[in-house]
N, C-alpha and C. Protein backbone atom coordinates (compact mmCIF):
# COMPACT_ATOMS: atom_id res chain seq x y z
N MET A 1 -15.93 58.66 -54.30
CA MET A 1 -14.84 57.80 -53.78
C MET A 1 -14.66 57.70 -52.43
N ARG A 2 -14.45 59.05 -51.76
CA ARG A 2 -14.27 59.00 -50.35
C ARG A 2 -15.67 58.42 -49.58
N ILE A 3 -16.98 58.83 -50.20
CA ILE A 3 -18.14 58.48 -49.57
C ILE A 3 -18.14 56.78 -49.56
N LEU A 4 -17.86 56.11 -50.74
CA LEU A 4 -17.76 54.80 -50.76
C LEU A 4 -16.73 54.18 -49.82
N PHE A 5 -15.64 54.78 -49.61
CA PHE A 5 -14.55 54.37 -48.71
C PHE A 5 -15.10 54.46 -47.26
N ALA A 6 -15.81 55.71 -47.01
CA ALA A 6 -16.35 55.92 -45.70
C ALA A 6 -17.48 54.99 -45.24
N VAL A 7 -18.30 54.60 -46.38
CA VAL A 7 -19.42 53.71 -46.18
C VAL A 7 -19.01 52.38 -45.81
N PHE A 8 -18.01 51.86 -46.65
CA PHE A 8 -17.38 50.64 -46.45
C PHE A 8 -16.69 50.49 -45.16
N ALA A 9 -15.97 51.60 -44.67
CA ALA A 9 -15.25 51.48 -43.40
C ALA A 9 -16.30 51.43 -42.19
N LEU A 10 -17.36 52.27 -42.49
CA LEU A 10 -18.40 52.19 -41.36
C LEU A 10 -18.91 50.77 -41.37
N LEU A 11 -19.36 50.21 -42.48
CA LEU A 11 -19.94 48.90 -42.29
C LEU A 11 -19.14 47.88 -41.91
N THR A 12 -17.68 47.99 -42.21
CA THR A 12 -16.86 47.18 -41.45
C THR A 12 -17.00 47.19 -39.99
N THR A 13 -17.12 48.41 -39.43
CA THR A 13 -17.12 48.59 -38.03
C THR A 13 -18.44 47.90 -37.39
N LEU A 14 -19.65 47.97 -38.04
CA LEU A 14 -20.84 47.76 -37.77
C LEU A 14 -21.11 46.35 -37.86
N ALA A 15 -20.25 45.43 -38.80
CA ALA A 15 -20.51 44.03 -39.21
C ALA A 15 -20.43 43.17 -38.17
N GLY A 16 -19.98 43.33 -36.98
CA GLY A 16 -20.04 42.56 -35.89
C GLY A 16 -18.96 41.70 -35.58
N PRO A 17 -18.91 40.92 -34.49
CA PRO A 17 -17.79 40.12 -34.21
C PRO A 17 -17.34 39.18 -35.27
N ALA A 18 -16.04 39.03 -35.51
CA ALA A 18 -15.59 38.20 -36.58
C ALA A 18 -15.35 36.78 -36.28
N ALA A 19 -15.39 36.47 -35.01
CA ALA A 19 -15.11 35.18 -34.68
C ALA A 19 -15.81 34.87 -33.32
N ALA A 20 -16.17 33.73 -33.12
CA ALA A 20 -16.98 33.35 -31.93
C ALA A 20 -16.09 33.47 -30.63
N ALA A 21 -16.72 33.84 -29.51
CA ALA A 21 -15.81 33.91 -28.48
C ALA A 21 -15.14 32.60 -28.15
N GLY A 22 -14.00 32.68 -27.37
CA GLY A 22 -13.43 31.53 -27.24
C GLY A 22 -11.89 31.45 -27.35
N GLY A 23 -11.27 32.59 -27.67
CA GLY A 23 -9.90 32.75 -27.81
C GLY A 23 -9.45 32.83 -29.07
N PRO A 24 -8.01 32.95 -29.23
CA PRO A 24 -7.48 33.25 -30.43
C PRO A 24 -7.51 32.28 -31.58
N VAL A 25 -7.41 32.66 -32.77
CA VAL A 25 -7.54 31.87 -34.08
C VAL A 25 -6.42 30.89 -34.12
N SER A 26 -6.86 29.59 -34.43
CA SER A 26 -5.96 28.62 -34.65
C SER A 26 -5.04 28.76 -35.75
N GLY A 27 -3.99 27.91 -35.86
CA GLY A 27 -3.03 28.11 -37.02
C GLY A 27 -3.74 27.60 -38.18
N GLU A 28 -4.58 26.68 -38.27
CA GLU A 28 -5.54 26.28 -39.33
C GLU A 28 -6.47 27.41 -39.78
N ASP A 29 -6.97 28.14 -39.05
CA ASP A 29 -7.82 29.29 -39.17
C ASP A 29 -7.00 30.41 -39.84
N SER A 30 -5.82 30.57 -39.20
CA SER A 30 -4.87 31.65 -39.72
C SER A 30 -4.51 31.51 -41.16
N ALA A 31 -4.11 30.21 -41.61
CA ALA A 31 -4.02 29.71 -43.05
C ALA A 31 -5.09 29.91 -43.61
N ALA A 32 -6.41 29.61 -43.32
CA ALA A 32 -7.63 29.83 -44.12
C ALA A 32 -7.87 31.21 -44.31
N ILE A 33 -7.58 32.13 -43.44
CA ILE A 33 -7.81 33.63 -43.56
C ILE A 33 -6.80 34.15 -44.56
N GLN A 34 -5.62 33.71 -44.62
CA GLN A 34 -4.74 34.03 -45.56
C GLN A 34 -5.01 33.78 -46.97
N SER A 35 -5.58 32.42 -47.03
CA SER A 35 -5.95 31.87 -48.35
C SER A 35 -7.20 32.66 -48.89
N VAL A 36 -8.06 33.08 -48.09
CA VAL A 36 -9.16 33.94 -48.57
C VAL A 36 -8.75 35.07 -49.01
N ILE A 37 -7.92 35.94 -48.41
CA ILE A 37 -7.43 37.17 -48.89
C ILE A 37 -6.56 37.06 -49.96
N SER A 38 -5.65 36.16 -50.00
CA SER A 38 -4.94 35.89 -51.43
C SER A 38 -5.83 35.66 -52.40
N GLY A 39 -6.89 34.80 -52.25
CA GLY A 39 -7.79 34.57 -53.38
C GLY A 39 -8.40 35.64 -53.98
N GLN A 40 -8.86 36.47 -52.94
CA GLN A 40 -9.59 37.63 -53.45
C GLN A 40 -8.66 38.67 -54.38
N ILE A 41 -7.39 38.92 -53.71
CA ILE A 41 -6.47 39.62 -54.39
C ILE A 41 -6.16 39.15 -55.79
N ASP A 42 -5.95 37.86 -55.90
CA ASP A 42 -5.69 37.27 -57.31
C ASP A 42 -6.99 37.32 -58.14
N ALA A 43 -8.17 37.30 -57.49
CA ALA A 43 -9.40 37.41 -58.28
C ALA A 43 -9.40 39.04 -58.92
N PHE A 44 -9.03 39.94 -58.12
CA PHE A 44 -8.74 41.27 -58.50
C PHE A 44 -7.86 41.47 -59.61
N ARG A 45 -6.86 40.66 -59.52
CA ARG A 45 -5.65 40.86 -60.56
C ARG A 45 -6.23 40.38 -62.03
N ARG A 46 -7.21 39.30 -61.82
CA ARG A 46 -7.73 38.86 -63.12
C ARG A 46 -9.02 39.65 -63.41
N ASP A 47 -9.49 40.61 -62.72
CA ASP A 47 -10.71 41.35 -63.05
C ASP A 47 -11.96 40.09 -62.90
N ASP A 48 -11.61 39.36 -62.06
CA ASP A 48 -12.78 38.34 -61.96
C ASP A 48 -13.78 39.07 -60.62
N GLY A 49 -14.70 39.73 -61.16
CA GLY A 49 -15.63 40.38 -60.19
C GLY A 49 -16.44 39.38 -59.41
N PRO A 50 -16.98 38.24 -60.01
CA PRO A 50 -17.83 37.35 -59.26
C PRO A 50 -16.80 36.58 -58.17
N GLY A 51 -15.64 36.18 -58.64
CA GLY A 51 -14.81 35.47 -57.82
C GLY A 51 -14.33 36.32 -56.65
N ALA A 52 -14.10 37.71 -56.79
CA ALA A 52 -13.65 38.52 -55.64
C ALA A 52 -14.82 38.66 -54.83
N PHE A 53 -15.97 38.86 -55.43
CA PHE A 53 -17.24 39.08 -54.59
C PHE A 53 -17.46 37.91 -53.60
N GLY A 54 -17.21 36.73 -54.35
CA GLY A 54 -17.51 35.65 -53.43
C GLY A 54 -16.62 35.36 -52.21
N PHE A 55 -15.42 36.08 -52.06
CA PHE A 55 -14.83 36.17 -50.79
C PHE A 55 -15.41 37.05 -49.85
N ALA A 56 -16.20 37.99 -50.17
CA ALA A 56 -16.80 38.97 -49.15
C ALA A 56 -17.84 38.27 -48.31
N ALA A 57 -18.00 38.79 -47.07
CA ALA A 57 -18.90 38.19 -46.15
C ALA A 57 -20.27 38.65 -46.73
N PRO A 58 -21.48 37.67 -46.29
CA PRO A 58 -22.89 37.92 -46.67
C PRO A 58 -23.26 39.53 -46.43
N SER A 59 -22.73 40.01 -45.42
CA SER A 59 -23.10 41.54 -44.95
C SER A 59 -22.67 42.32 -46.04
N THR A 60 -21.42 42.13 -46.44
CA THR A 60 -20.82 42.90 -47.53
C THR A 60 -21.43 42.97 -48.80
N GLN A 61 -21.72 41.55 -49.17
CA GLN A 61 -22.47 41.19 -50.44
C GLN A 61 -23.80 41.96 -50.50
N GLY A 62 -24.50 41.88 -49.21
CA GLY A 62 -25.80 42.55 -49.17
C GLY A 62 -25.65 44.10 -49.49
N MET A 63 -24.59 44.67 -48.96
CA MET A 63 -24.60 46.00 -48.92
C MET A 63 -24.23 46.51 -50.41
N PHE A 64 -23.42 45.78 -51.22
CA PHE A 64 -23.07 46.16 -52.50
C PHE A 64 -24.09 45.59 -53.54
N GLY A 65 -24.61 44.37 -53.30
CA GLY A 65 -25.73 43.88 -53.99
C GLY A 65 -25.04 43.07 -55.32
N THR A 66 -24.20 43.63 -55.99
CA THR A 66 -23.95 42.85 -57.32
C THR A 66 -22.15 43.08 -57.36
N ALA A 67 -21.68 42.03 -57.97
CA ALA A 67 -20.17 42.00 -58.13
C ALA A 67 -19.69 43.28 -58.76
N ASP A 68 -20.51 43.82 -59.82
CA ASP A 68 -19.97 44.97 -60.52
C ASP A 68 -19.95 46.04 -59.79
N THR A 69 -21.02 46.31 -58.80
CA THR A 69 -20.94 47.32 -57.88
C THR A 69 -19.82 47.36 -56.98
N PHE A 70 -19.54 46.18 -56.52
CA PHE A 70 -18.40 45.79 -55.43
C PHE A 70 -17.07 46.31 -56.27
N MET A 71 -16.96 45.76 -57.48
CA MET A 71 -15.70 45.89 -58.15
C MET A 71 -15.50 47.54 -58.52
N GLN A 72 -16.55 48.21 -58.82
CA GLN A 72 -16.42 49.64 -58.90
C GLN A 72 -15.84 50.41 -57.78
N MET A 73 -16.31 50.00 -56.76
CA MET A 73 -15.85 50.43 -55.51
C MET A 73 -14.39 50.24 -55.18
N VAL A 74 -14.03 48.86 -55.47
CA VAL A 74 -12.56 48.52 -55.39
C VAL A 74 -11.73 49.27 -56.24
N ARG A 75 -12.03 49.24 -57.55
CA ARG A 75 -11.31 50.01 -58.56
C ARG A 75 -11.01 51.50 -58.24
N ARG A 76 -12.16 52.09 -57.62
CA ARG A 76 -11.93 53.57 -57.37
C ARG A 76 -11.29 53.87 -56.00
N GLY A 77 -11.52 53.01 -54.93
CA GLY A 77 -11.01 53.19 -53.62
C GLY A 77 -9.86 52.33 -53.06
N TYR A 78 -9.61 51.45 -53.80
CA TYR A 78 -8.54 50.38 -53.24
C TYR A 78 -7.55 49.82 -54.22
N ALA A 79 -7.02 50.80 -54.81
CA ALA A 79 -5.88 50.54 -55.70
C ALA A 79 -4.81 49.58 -55.11
N PRO A 80 -4.41 49.75 -54.00
CA PRO A 80 -3.29 48.98 -53.40
C PRO A 80 -3.81 47.39 -53.32
N VAL A 81 -4.94 47.10 -53.07
CA VAL A 81 -5.29 45.65 -53.09
C VAL A 81 -5.95 45.26 -54.41
N TYR A 82 -6.36 46.16 -55.16
CA TYR A 82 -6.66 45.95 -56.58
C TYR A 82 -5.55 45.54 -57.52
N ARG A 83 -4.42 46.17 -57.30
CA ARG A 83 -3.48 46.08 -58.20
C ARG A 83 -1.96 46.10 -57.52
N PRO A 84 -1.79 45.31 -56.36
CA PRO A 84 -0.64 45.48 -55.74
C PRO A 84 0.64 44.99 -56.46
N ARG A 85 1.64 45.61 -56.09
CA ARG A 85 3.05 45.17 -56.58
C ARG A 85 3.61 44.15 -55.73
N SER A 86 3.29 44.20 -54.28
CA SER A 86 3.64 42.93 -53.59
C SER A 86 2.80 42.92 -52.48
N VAL A 87 2.55 41.79 -51.77
CA VAL A 87 1.63 41.41 -50.76
C VAL A 87 2.46 40.64 -49.73
N ASP A 88 2.41 41.20 -48.58
CA ASP A 88 3.07 40.20 -47.32
C ASP A 88 2.17 40.32 -45.98
N PHE A 89 1.95 39.11 -45.64
CA PHE A 89 0.99 38.95 -44.43
C PHE A 89 1.87 39.33 -43.20
N ALA A 90 1.08 40.01 -42.36
CA ALA A 90 1.83 40.37 -41.20
C ALA A 90 0.83 39.91 -40.13
N ALA A 91 0.81 40.59 -38.85
CA ALA A 91 0.06 40.28 -37.75
C ALA A 91 -1.30 39.89 -37.84
N LEU A 92 -1.82 39.00 -37.32
CA LEU A 92 -3.34 38.65 -37.09
C LEU A 92 -3.66 38.96 -35.80
N GLU A 93 -4.61 39.85 -35.68
CA GLU A 93 -5.06 40.43 -34.21
C GLU A 93 -6.42 40.26 -33.94
N GLU A 94 -6.75 40.22 -32.68
CA GLU A 94 -8.12 40.11 -32.22
C GLU A 94 -8.21 41.67 -31.74
N GLU A 95 -9.28 42.34 -32.32
CA GLU A 95 -9.35 43.73 -31.76
C GLU A 95 -10.91 44.02 -31.65
N ASP A 96 -11.23 44.39 -30.31
CA ASP A 96 -12.66 44.35 -29.96
C ASP A 96 -13.59 43.26 -30.55
N GLY A 97 -13.20 42.18 -30.33
CA GLY A 97 -14.00 40.88 -30.66
C GLY A 97 -13.99 40.44 -32.02
N GLN A 98 -13.16 41.28 -32.94
CA GLN A 98 -13.03 41.13 -34.47
C GLN A 98 -11.56 40.51 -34.66
N ILE A 99 -11.59 39.53 -35.66
CA ILE A 99 -10.25 39.11 -36.07
C ILE A 99 -9.85 40.02 -37.28
N VAL A 100 -8.78 40.57 -37.17
CA VAL A 100 -8.08 41.59 -38.13
C VAL A 100 -6.75 40.99 -38.70
N GLN A 101 -6.68 40.88 -39.82
CA GLN A 101 -5.45 40.34 -40.60
C GLN A 101 -4.74 41.51 -41.33
N ASN A 102 -3.68 41.91 -40.81
CA ASN A 102 -2.91 43.06 -41.43
C ASN A 102 -2.15 42.51 -42.55
N VAL A 103 -2.04 43.21 -43.78
CA VAL A 103 -1.36 42.85 -44.98
C VAL A 103 -0.43 43.95 -45.33
N GLU A 104 0.65 43.83 -45.58
CA GLU A 104 1.66 45.02 -46.05
C GLU A 104 1.59 45.01 -47.54
N LEU A 105 1.29 45.94 -48.13
CA LEU A 105 1.18 45.93 -49.65
C LEU A 105 2.10 47.09 -50.07
N THR A 106 2.68 46.80 -51.24
CA THR A 106 3.17 48.04 -52.28
C THR A 106 2.11 48.18 -53.36
N GLY A 107 1.48 49.37 -53.20
CA GLY A 107 0.40 49.81 -54.22
C GLY A 107 1.11 50.00 -55.63
N PRO A 108 0.18 50.07 -56.65
CA PRO A 108 0.65 50.30 -57.96
C PRO A 108 1.30 51.65 -58.16
N ASP A 109 1.33 52.45 -57.16
CA ASP A 109 1.82 53.86 -57.07
C ASP A 109 3.39 53.80 -56.49
N GLY A 110 3.69 52.59 -56.06
CA GLY A 110 4.98 52.23 -55.52
C GLY A 110 5.00 52.63 -54.07
N LEU A 111 3.88 53.23 -53.37
CA LEU A 111 3.97 53.45 -51.86
C LEU A 111 3.47 52.31 -51.30
N ALA A 112 4.00 52.31 -49.89
CA ALA A 112 3.47 51.28 -48.98
C ALA A 112 2.25 51.58 -48.27
N TYR A 113 1.44 50.52 -48.07
CA TYR A 113 0.26 50.46 -47.39
C TYR A 113 0.06 49.32 -46.46
N THR A 114 -0.85 49.59 -45.46
CA THR A 114 -1.24 48.40 -44.67
C THR A 114 -2.75 48.33 -44.87
N ALA A 115 -3.23 47.13 -45.25
CA ALA A 115 -4.55 46.78 -45.41
C ALA A 115 -4.91 45.95 -44.09
N ARG A 116 -5.87 46.43 -43.53
CA ARG A 116 -6.51 45.75 -42.17
C ARG A 116 -7.84 45.17 -42.67
N TYR A 117 -7.69 43.85 -42.92
CA TYR A 117 -8.92 42.97 -43.28
C TYR A 117 -9.70 42.60 -42.08
N THR A 118 -10.66 42.82 -41.82
CA THR A 118 -11.56 42.34 -41.02
C THR A 118 -12.32 41.01 -41.52
N MET A 119 -12.22 40.04 -40.68
CA MET A 119 -12.51 38.77 -41.08
C MET A 119 -13.81 38.42 -40.34
N GLU A 120 -14.75 37.45 -40.98
CA GLU A 120 -16.03 37.01 -40.48
C GLU A 120 -16.11 35.48 -40.54
N HIS A 121 -16.08 34.83 -39.23
CA HIS A 121 -16.24 33.40 -39.53
C HIS A 121 -17.76 33.05 -39.66
N GLU A 122 -17.85 32.28 -40.61
CA GLU A 122 -19.25 31.77 -41.04
C GLU A 122 -19.64 30.64 -40.04
N ALA A 123 -20.97 30.31 -40.21
CA ALA A 123 -21.55 29.04 -39.51
C ALA A 123 -21.04 27.85 -39.97
N ASP A 124 -20.74 27.71 -41.44
CA ASP A 124 -20.15 26.54 -41.95
C ASP A 124 -18.61 26.38 -41.55
N GLY A 125 -18.03 27.35 -40.93
CA GLY A 125 -16.59 27.13 -40.53
C GLY A 125 -15.69 28.01 -41.45
N SER A 126 -16.22 28.40 -42.60
CA SER A 126 -15.42 29.20 -43.52
C SER A 126 -15.13 30.59 -42.99
N TRP A 127 -14.08 31.26 -43.57
CA TRP A 127 -13.89 32.63 -43.26
C TRP A 127 -14.22 33.56 -44.53
N ARG A 128 -14.60 34.67 -44.27
CA ARG A 128 -15.12 35.68 -45.28
C ARG A 128 -14.51 37.10 -44.88
N ILE A 129 -14.43 37.73 -45.83
CA ILE A 129 -13.77 39.26 -45.65
C ILE A 129 -15.06 40.25 -45.44
N SER A 130 -15.04 40.76 -44.21
CA SER A 130 -16.26 41.74 -43.93
C SER A 130 -16.02 43.20 -44.07
N GLY A 131 -14.68 43.39 -44.24
CA GLY A 131 -14.20 44.87 -44.57
C GLY A 131 -12.68 44.85 -44.64
N CYS A 132 -12.39 46.03 -45.27
CA CYS A 132 -10.93 46.20 -45.48
C CYS A 132 -10.71 47.66 -45.29
N ALA A 133 -9.76 48.15 -44.47
CA ALA A 133 -9.26 49.50 -44.29
C ALA A 133 -7.82 49.42 -44.64
N ILE A 134 -7.50 50.47 -45.56
CA ILE A 134 -6.15 50.71 -46.05
C ILE A 134 -5.72 52.07 -45.43
N LEU A 135 -4.45 51.78 -44.95
CA LEU A 135 -3.61 52.95 -44.43
C LEU A 135 -2.41 53.16 -45.03
N GLN A 136 -1.97 54.29 -45.48
CA GLN A 136 -0.48 54.42 -46.12
C GLN A 136 0.47 54.19 -44.79
N SER A 137 1.35 53.44 -45.28
CA SER A 137 2.40 52.81 -44.10
C SER A 137 3.75 53.65 -44.23
N ARG A 138 4.35 53.64 -43.05
CA ARG A 138 5.39 54.54 -43.02
C ARG A 138 6.77 53.70 -43.55
N ARG A 139 6.63 52.42 -43.83
CA ARG A 139 7.70 51.71 -44.57
C ARG A 139 7.89 52.21 -45.94
N LEU A 140 9.14 51.85 -46.34
CA LEU A 140 9.47 52.47 -47.98
C LEU A 140 8.81 51.30 -48.67
N GLY A 141 8.35 51.91 -49.89
CA GLY A 141 7.64 50.87 -50.78
C GLY A 141 8.90 50.05 -51.60
N VAL A 142 8.33 49.06 -52.02
CA VAL A 142 9.39 48.20 -52.75
C VAL A 142 9.35 48.47 -54.25
């Protein structure tokens, strides 16, 4: 489990720039990013592996190969996004040329987490998730 998380976190870092140079993300892009993340979380809640996998960036899809392999990784190492009790979107940041959407979660264990989603802007204008790092938060769980 730790190995899968480490590999996923490393590939998140290596995935490359999340957005083309040229400034901050527009309000329309911010809404699209939140929609992608919400869509993936909803797919996790339904155990819809192909649906959840479809929100992943091509580089992430290539790393895992199949929706089943991707879902195994998520079930084992990403319980707060797989089965969140609550989801609240926080700051959208640009960090080292990558767009990162912070999401405050309450995990199935009742603890608070921050999920840092690294986003990739695709050639067709869509957004995909290129990685997610989960940190236990200092805020109290809901």
